């Protein structure tokens, strides 16, 4: 895929995820939360230019640094989501101001890594961003789903006679 196509796919995924995150919604822990990250990751890994073959070592280091950063930020993001039990016992989730701050932090880190790559004349494919987005979404979903499973069960409702 072209860089423009990659950036459009990434932008669409970010808009979809952030928009959904910032409103309260029922969390379905049985949902296939790994499907979107799997699709994004597969699309990213198909790109033979994900590593700059003229600067293989530097390119690989930048890719790994980006993936380590998204592993950390995905975990942080997963912990910023507010979780609670609704009256019917279902788990609800909603992003917080800290969630927005986590996104801003991740974007700043990605811009910093991109700047380092540009300064070192390393070509950085949009596919590396897409792979990072896949890892970010997967880690965040794993953290949120784990947290949801550890929530206290809803207290039994009082039965009035």
C-alpha atoms as a PDB file:
ATOM      1  CA  UNK A   1       0.000   0.000   0.000  1.00  0.00           C
ATOM      2  CA  UNK A   2       1.098   3.564  -0.534  1.00  0.00           C
ATOM      3  CA  UNK A   3       2.085   5.796   2.360  1.00  0.00           C
ATOM      4  CA  UNK A   4      -1.019   7.926   1.810  1.00  0.00           C
ATOM      5  CA  UNK A   5      -3.254   4.834   1.957  1.00  0.00           C
ATOM      6  CA  UNK A   6      -1.511   3.665   5.131  1.00  0.00           C
ATOM      7  CA  UNK A   7      -1.955   7.068   6.749  1.00  0.00           C
ATOM      8  CA  UNK A   8      -5.644   7.132   5.804  1.00  0.00           C
ATOM      9  CA  UNK A   9      -6.182   3.646   7.268  1.00  0.00           C
ATOM     10  CA  UNK A  10      -4.362   4.697  10.460  1.00  0.00           C
ATOM     11  CA  UNK A  11      -6.325   7.965  10.715  1.00  0.00           C
ATOM     12  CA  UNK A  12      -9.622   6.111  10.220  1.00  0.00           C
ATOM     13  CA  UNK A  13      -8.689   3.565  12.901  1.00  0.00           C
ATOM     14  CA  UNK A  14      -7.671   6.324  15.340  1.00  0.00           C
ATOM     15  CA  UNK A  15     -10.897   8.284  14.758  1.00  0.00           C
ATOM     16  CA  UNK A  16     -13.008   5.135  15.168  1.00  0.00           C
ATOM     17  CA  UNK A  17     -11.236   4.022  18.334  1.00  0.00           C
ATOM     18  CA  UNK A  18     -11.048   7.429  20.040  1.00  0.00           C
ATOM     19  CA  UNK A  19     -14.671   8.247  19.191  1.00  0.00           C
ATOM     20  CA  UNK A  20     -15.819   4.933  20.660  1.00  0.00           C
ATOM     21  CA  UNK A  21     -13.544   5.282  23.695  1.00  0.00           C
ATOM     22  CA  UNK A  22     -14.874   8.635  24.806  1.00  0.00           C
ATOM     23  CA  UNK A  23     -18.475   7.549  25.253  1.00  0.00           C
ATOM     24  CA  UNK A  24     -19.779   5.083  27.796  1.00  0.00           C
ATOM     25  CA  UNK A  25     -20.361   1.706  26.259  1.00  0.00           C
ATOM     26  CA  UNK A  26     -21.021  -1.823  27.352  1.00  0.00           C
ATOM     27  CA  UNK A  27     -17.799  -3.821  27.281  1.00  0.00           C
ATOM     28  CA  UNK A  28     -18.138  -7.206  25.668  1.00  0.00           C
ATOM     29  CA  UNK A  29     -15.212  -9.226  27.011  1.00  0.00           C
ATOM     30  CA  UNK A  30     -16.126 -12.092  24.679  1.00  0.00           C
ATOM     31  CA  UNK A  31     -15.796  -9.861  21.592  1.00  0.00           C
ATOM     32  CA  UNK A  32     -13.006 -10.508  19.153  1.00  0.00           C
ATOM     33  CA  UNK A  33     -11.001  -7.470  20.286  1.00  0.00           C
ATOM     34  CA  UNK A  34      -7.941  -8.841  18.506  1.00  0.00           C
ATOM     35  CA  UNK A  35      -9.521  -8.741  15.023  1.00  0.00           C
ATOM     36  CA  UNK A  36      -8.803  -5.081  14.102  1.00  0.00           C
ATOM     37  CA  UNK A  37      -5.215  -5.270  15.431  1.00  0.00           C
ATOM     38  CA  UNK A  38      -4.711  -8.518  13.487  1.00  0.00           C
ATOM     39  CA  UNK A  39      -5.929  -6.928  10.247  1.00  0.00           C
ATOM     40  CA  UNK A  40      -3.794  -3.794  10.757  1.00  0.00           C
ATOM     41  CA  UNK A  41      -0.753  -5.882  11.663  1.00  0.00           C
ATOM     42  CA  UNK A  42      -1.162  -8.162   8.645  1.00  0.00           C
ATOM     43  CA  UNK A  43      -1.487  -5.168   6.320  1.00  0.00           C
ATOM     44  CA  UNK A  44       1.611  -3.567   7.854  1.00  0.00           C
ATOM     45  CA  UNK A  45       3.777  -6.679   7.701  1.00  0.00           C
ATOM     46  CA  UNK A  46       2.981  -7.190   4.011  1.00  0.00           C
ATOM     47  CA  UNK A  47       4.968  -4.044   3.181  1.00  0.00           C
ATOM     48  CA  UNK A  48       8.529  -4.919   2.127  1.00  0.00           C
ATOM     49  CA  UNK A  49       9.521  -1.303   2.873  1.00  0.00           C
ATOM     50  CA  UNK A  50       8.674  -1.527   6.586  1.00  0.00           C
ATOM     51  CA  UNK A  51      12.464  -1.665   7.086  1.00  0.00           C
ATOM     52  CA  UNK A  52      14.687   0.774   5.157  1.00  0.00           C
ATOM     53  CA  UNK A  53      17.070  -1.615   3.378  1.00  0.00           C
ATOM     54  CA  UNK A  54      19.708   1.121   3.019  1.00  0.00           C
ATOM     55  CA  UNK A  55      19.781   1.614   6.796  1.00  0.00           C
ATOM     56  CA  UNK A  56      18.668  -1.792   8.021  1.00  0.00           C
ATOM     57  CA  UNK A  57      20.061  -1.644  11.569  1.00  0.00           C
ATOM     58  CA  UNK A  58      18.899   1.914  12.305  1.00  0.00           C
ATOM     59  CA  UNK A  59      15.530   1.230  10.742  1.00  0.00           C
ATOM     60  CA  UNK A  60      15.071  -1.920  12.824  1.00  0.00           C
ATOM     61  CA  UNK A  61      16.082  -0.060  15.999  1.00  0.00           C
ATOM     62  CA  UNK A  62      13.539   2.687  15.286  1.00  0.00           C
ATOM     63  CA  UNK A  63      10.836   0.098  14.553  1.00  0.00           C
ATOM     64  CA  UNK A  64      11.572  -1.801  17.771  1.00  0.00           C
ATOM     65  CA  UNK A  65      11.729   1.446  19.784  1.00  0.00           C
ATOM     66  CA  UNK A  66       8.345   2.416  18.375  1.00  0.00           C
ATOM     67  CA  UNK A  67       6.882  -0.987  19.245  1.00  0.00           C
ATOM     68  CA  UNK A  68       8.278  -0.855  22.793  1.00  0.00           C
ATOM     69  CA  UNK A  69       6.770   2.624  23.166  1.00  0.00           C
ATOM     70  CA  UNK A  70       3.348   1.443  22.011  1.00  0.00           C
ATOM     71  CA  UNK A  71       3.526  -1.565  24.320  1.00  0.00           C
ATOM     72  CA  UNK A  72       4.034   0.824  27.226  1.00  0.00           C
ATOM     73  CA  UNK A  73       1.476   3.364  26.022  1.00  0.00           C
ATOM     74  CA  UNK A  74      -1.089   0.646  25.275  1.00  0.00           C
ATOM     75  CA  UNK A  75      -0.763  -0.496  28.873  1.00  0.00           C
ATOM     76  CA  UNK A  76      -1.077   3.069  30.158  1.00  0.00           C
ATOM     77  CA  UNK A  77      -4.067   3.659  27.901  1.00  0.00           C
ATOM     78  CA  UNK A  78      -5.753   0.488  29.156  1.00  0.00           C
ATOM     79  CA  UNK A  79      -5.399   1.698  32.741  1.00  0.00           C
ATOM     80  CA  UNK A  80      -6.873   5.137  31.965  1.00  0.00           C
ATOM     81  CA  UNK A  81     -10.230   3.712  30.911  1.00  0.00           C
ATOM     82  CA  UNK A  82     -12.894   3.973  33.608  1.00  0.00           C
ATOM     83  CA  UNK A  83     -14.664   0.643  34.218  1.00  0.00           C
ATOM     84  CA  UNK A  84     -17.753   0.011  36.304  1.00  0.00           C
ATOM     85  CA  UNK A  85     -20.620  -2.414  36.652  1.00  0.00           C
ATOM     86  CA  UNK A  86     -24.031  -1.301  35.475  1.00  0.00           C
ATOM     87  CA  UNK A  87     -27.144  -2.142  37.445  1.00  0.00           C
ATOM     88  CA  UNK A  88     -27.704  -5.211  35.239  1.00  0.00           C
ATOM     89  CA  UNK A  89     -24.202  -6.491  36.077  1.00  0.00           C
ATOM     90  CA  UNK A  90     -22.653  -5.717  32.701  1.00  0.00           C
ATOM     91  CA  UNK A  91     -19.284  -3.991  32.549  1.00  0.00           C
ATOM     92  CA  UNK A  92     -19.263  -0.440  31.219  1.00  0.00           C
ATOM     93  CA  UNK A  93     -16.204   1.444  29.950  1.00  0.00           C
ATOM     94  CA  UNK A  94     -15.454   5.052  29.123  1.00  0.00           C
ATOM     95  CA  UNK A  95     -12.289   6.950  28.284  1.00  0.00           C
ATOM     96  CA  UNK A  96     -11.171   9.734  30.600  1.00  0.00           C
ATOM     97  CA  UNK A  97      -9.082  12.873  30.314  1.00  0.00           C
ATOM     98  CA  UNK A  98      -6.102  10.654  31.076  1.00  0.00           C
ATOM     99  CA  UNK A  99      -7.033   8.597  28.010  1.00  0.00           C
ATOM    100  CA  UNK A 100      -6.770  11.728  25.865  1.00  0.00           C
ATOM    101  CA  UNK A 101      -3.433  12.524  27.535  1.00  0.00           C
ATOM    102  CA  UNK A 102      -2.203   8.995  26.725  1.00  0.00           C
ATOM    103  CA  UNK A 103      -3.111   9.534  23.063  1.00  0.00           C
ATOM    104  CA  UNK A 104      -1.315  12.882  23.016  1.00  0.00           C
ATOM    105  CA  UNK A 105       1.722  11.268  24.646  1.00  0.00           C
ATOM    106  CA  UNK A 106       1.751   8.460  22.096  1.00  0.00           C
ATOM    107  CA  UNK A 107       1.499  10.903  19.213  1.00  0.00           C
ATOM    108  CA  UNK A 108       4.376  12.959  20.692  1.00  0.00           C
ATOM    109  CA  UNK A 109       6.537   9.839  21.042  1.00  0.00           C
ATOM    110  CA  UNK A 110       5.784   8.801  17.445  1.00  0.00           C
ATOM    111  CA  UNK A 111       6.632  12.287  16.167  1.00  0.00           C
ATOM    112  CA  UNK A 112       9.880  12.180  18.167  1.00  0.00           C
ATOM    113  CA  UNK A 113      10.845   8.806  16.696  1.00  0.00           C
ATOM    114  CA  UNK A 114       9.952  10.016  13.223  1.00  0.00           C
ATOM    115  CA  UNK A 115      12.127  13.105  13.771  1.00  0.00           C
ATOM    116  CA  UNK A 116      15.054  10.945  14.878  1.00  0.00           C
ATOM    117  CA  UNK A 117      14.635   8.792  11.777  1.00  0.00           C
ATOM    118  CA  UNK A 118      14.541  11.846   9.527  1.00  0.00           C
ATOM    119  CA  UNK A 119      17.661  13.272  11.186  1.00  0.00           C
ATOM    120  CA  UNK A 120      19.439   9.953  10.535  1.00  0.00           C
ATOM    121  CA  UNK A 121      18.084   9.835   6.943  1.00  0.00           C
ATOM    122  CA  UNK A 122      16.193   6.608   7.605  1.00  0.00           C
ATOM    123  CA  UNK A 123      13.108   6.120   5.430  1.00  0.00           C
ATOM    124  CA  UNK A 124      10.163   5.261   7.657  1.00  0.00           C
ATOM    125  CA  UNK A 125       7.240   3.519   6.065  1.00  0.00           C
ATOM    126  CA  UNK A 126       3.669   4.281   7.034  1.00  0.00           C
ATOM    127  CA  UNK A 127       3.421   0.547   7.635  1.00  0.00           C
ATOM    128  CA  UNK A 128       5.522   0.908  10.776  1.00  0.00           C
ATOM    129  CA  UNK A 129       2.878   3.301  12.100  1.00  0.00           C
ATOM    130  CA  UNK A 130       0.157   0.817  11.184  1.00  0.00           C
ATOM    131  CA  UNK A 131       2.024  -1.997  12.952  1.00  0.00           C
ATOM    132  CA  UNK A 132       2.411   0.242  15.989  1.00  0.00           C
ATOM    133  CA  UNK A 133      -1.322   0.997  15.935  1.00  0.00           C
ATOM    134  CA  UNK A 134      -2.061  -2.729  15.796  1.00  0.00           C
ATOM    135  CA  UNK A 135       0.151  -3.414  18.827  1.00  0.00           C
ATOM    136  CA  UNK A 136      -1.268  -0.393  20.681  1.00  0.00           C
ATOM    137  CA  UNK A 137      -4.875  -1.513  20.170  1.00  0.00           C
ATOM    138  CA  UNK A 138      -4.112  -5.115  21.078  1.00  0.00           C
ATOM    139  CA  UNK A 139      -2.283  -4.249  24.310  1.00  0.00           C
ATOM    140  CA  UNK A 140      -4.932  -1.720  25.338  1.00  0.00           C
ATOM    141  CA  UNK A 141      -7.699  -4.272  24.745  1.00  0.00           C
ATOM    142  CA  UNK A 142      -5.842  -6.966  26.679  1.00  0.00           C
ATOM    143  CA  UNK A 143      -5.417  -4.623  29.669  1.00  0.00           C
ATOM    144  CA  UNK A 144      -9.043  -3.426  29.614  1.00  0.00           C
ATOM    145  CA  UNK A 145     -10.395  -6.963  29.252  1.00  0.00           C
ATOM    146  CA  UNK A 146      -8.173  -8.205  32.076  1.00  0.00           C
ATOM    147  CA  UNK A 147      -9.318  -5.332  34.295  1.00  0.00           C
ATOM    148  CA  UNK A 148     -12.967  -6.032  33.426  1.00  0.00           C
ATOM    149  CA  UNK A 149     -12.601  -9.672  34.425  1.00  0.00           C
ATOM    150  CA  UNK A 150     -11.165  -8.657  37.804  1.00  0.00           C
ATOM    151  CA  UNK A 151     -13.998  -6.253  38.682  1.00  0.00           C
ATOM    152  CA  UNK A 152     -16.046  -7.136  41.695  1.00  0.00           C
ATOM    153  CA  UNK A 153     -19.342  -8.790  40.786  1.00  0.00           C
ATOM    154  CA  UNK A 154     -22.396  -6.584  40.961  1.00  0.00           C
ATOM    155  CA  UNK A 155     -24.076  -6.721  44.365  1.00  0.00           C
ATOM    156  CA  UNK A 156     -27.321  -8.673  44.351  1.00  0.00           C
ATOM    157  CA  UNK A 157     -30.355  -6.481  43.997  1.00  0.00           C
ATOM    158  CA  UNK A 158     -32.718  -6.334  46.925  1.00  0.00           C
ATOM    159  CA  UNK A 159     -35.949  -8.213  46.378  1.00  0.00           C
ATOM    160  CA  UNK A 160     -38.987  -6.405  47.751  1.00  0.00           C
ATOM    161  CA  UNK A 161     -42.019  -8.449  48.772  1.00  0.00           C
END
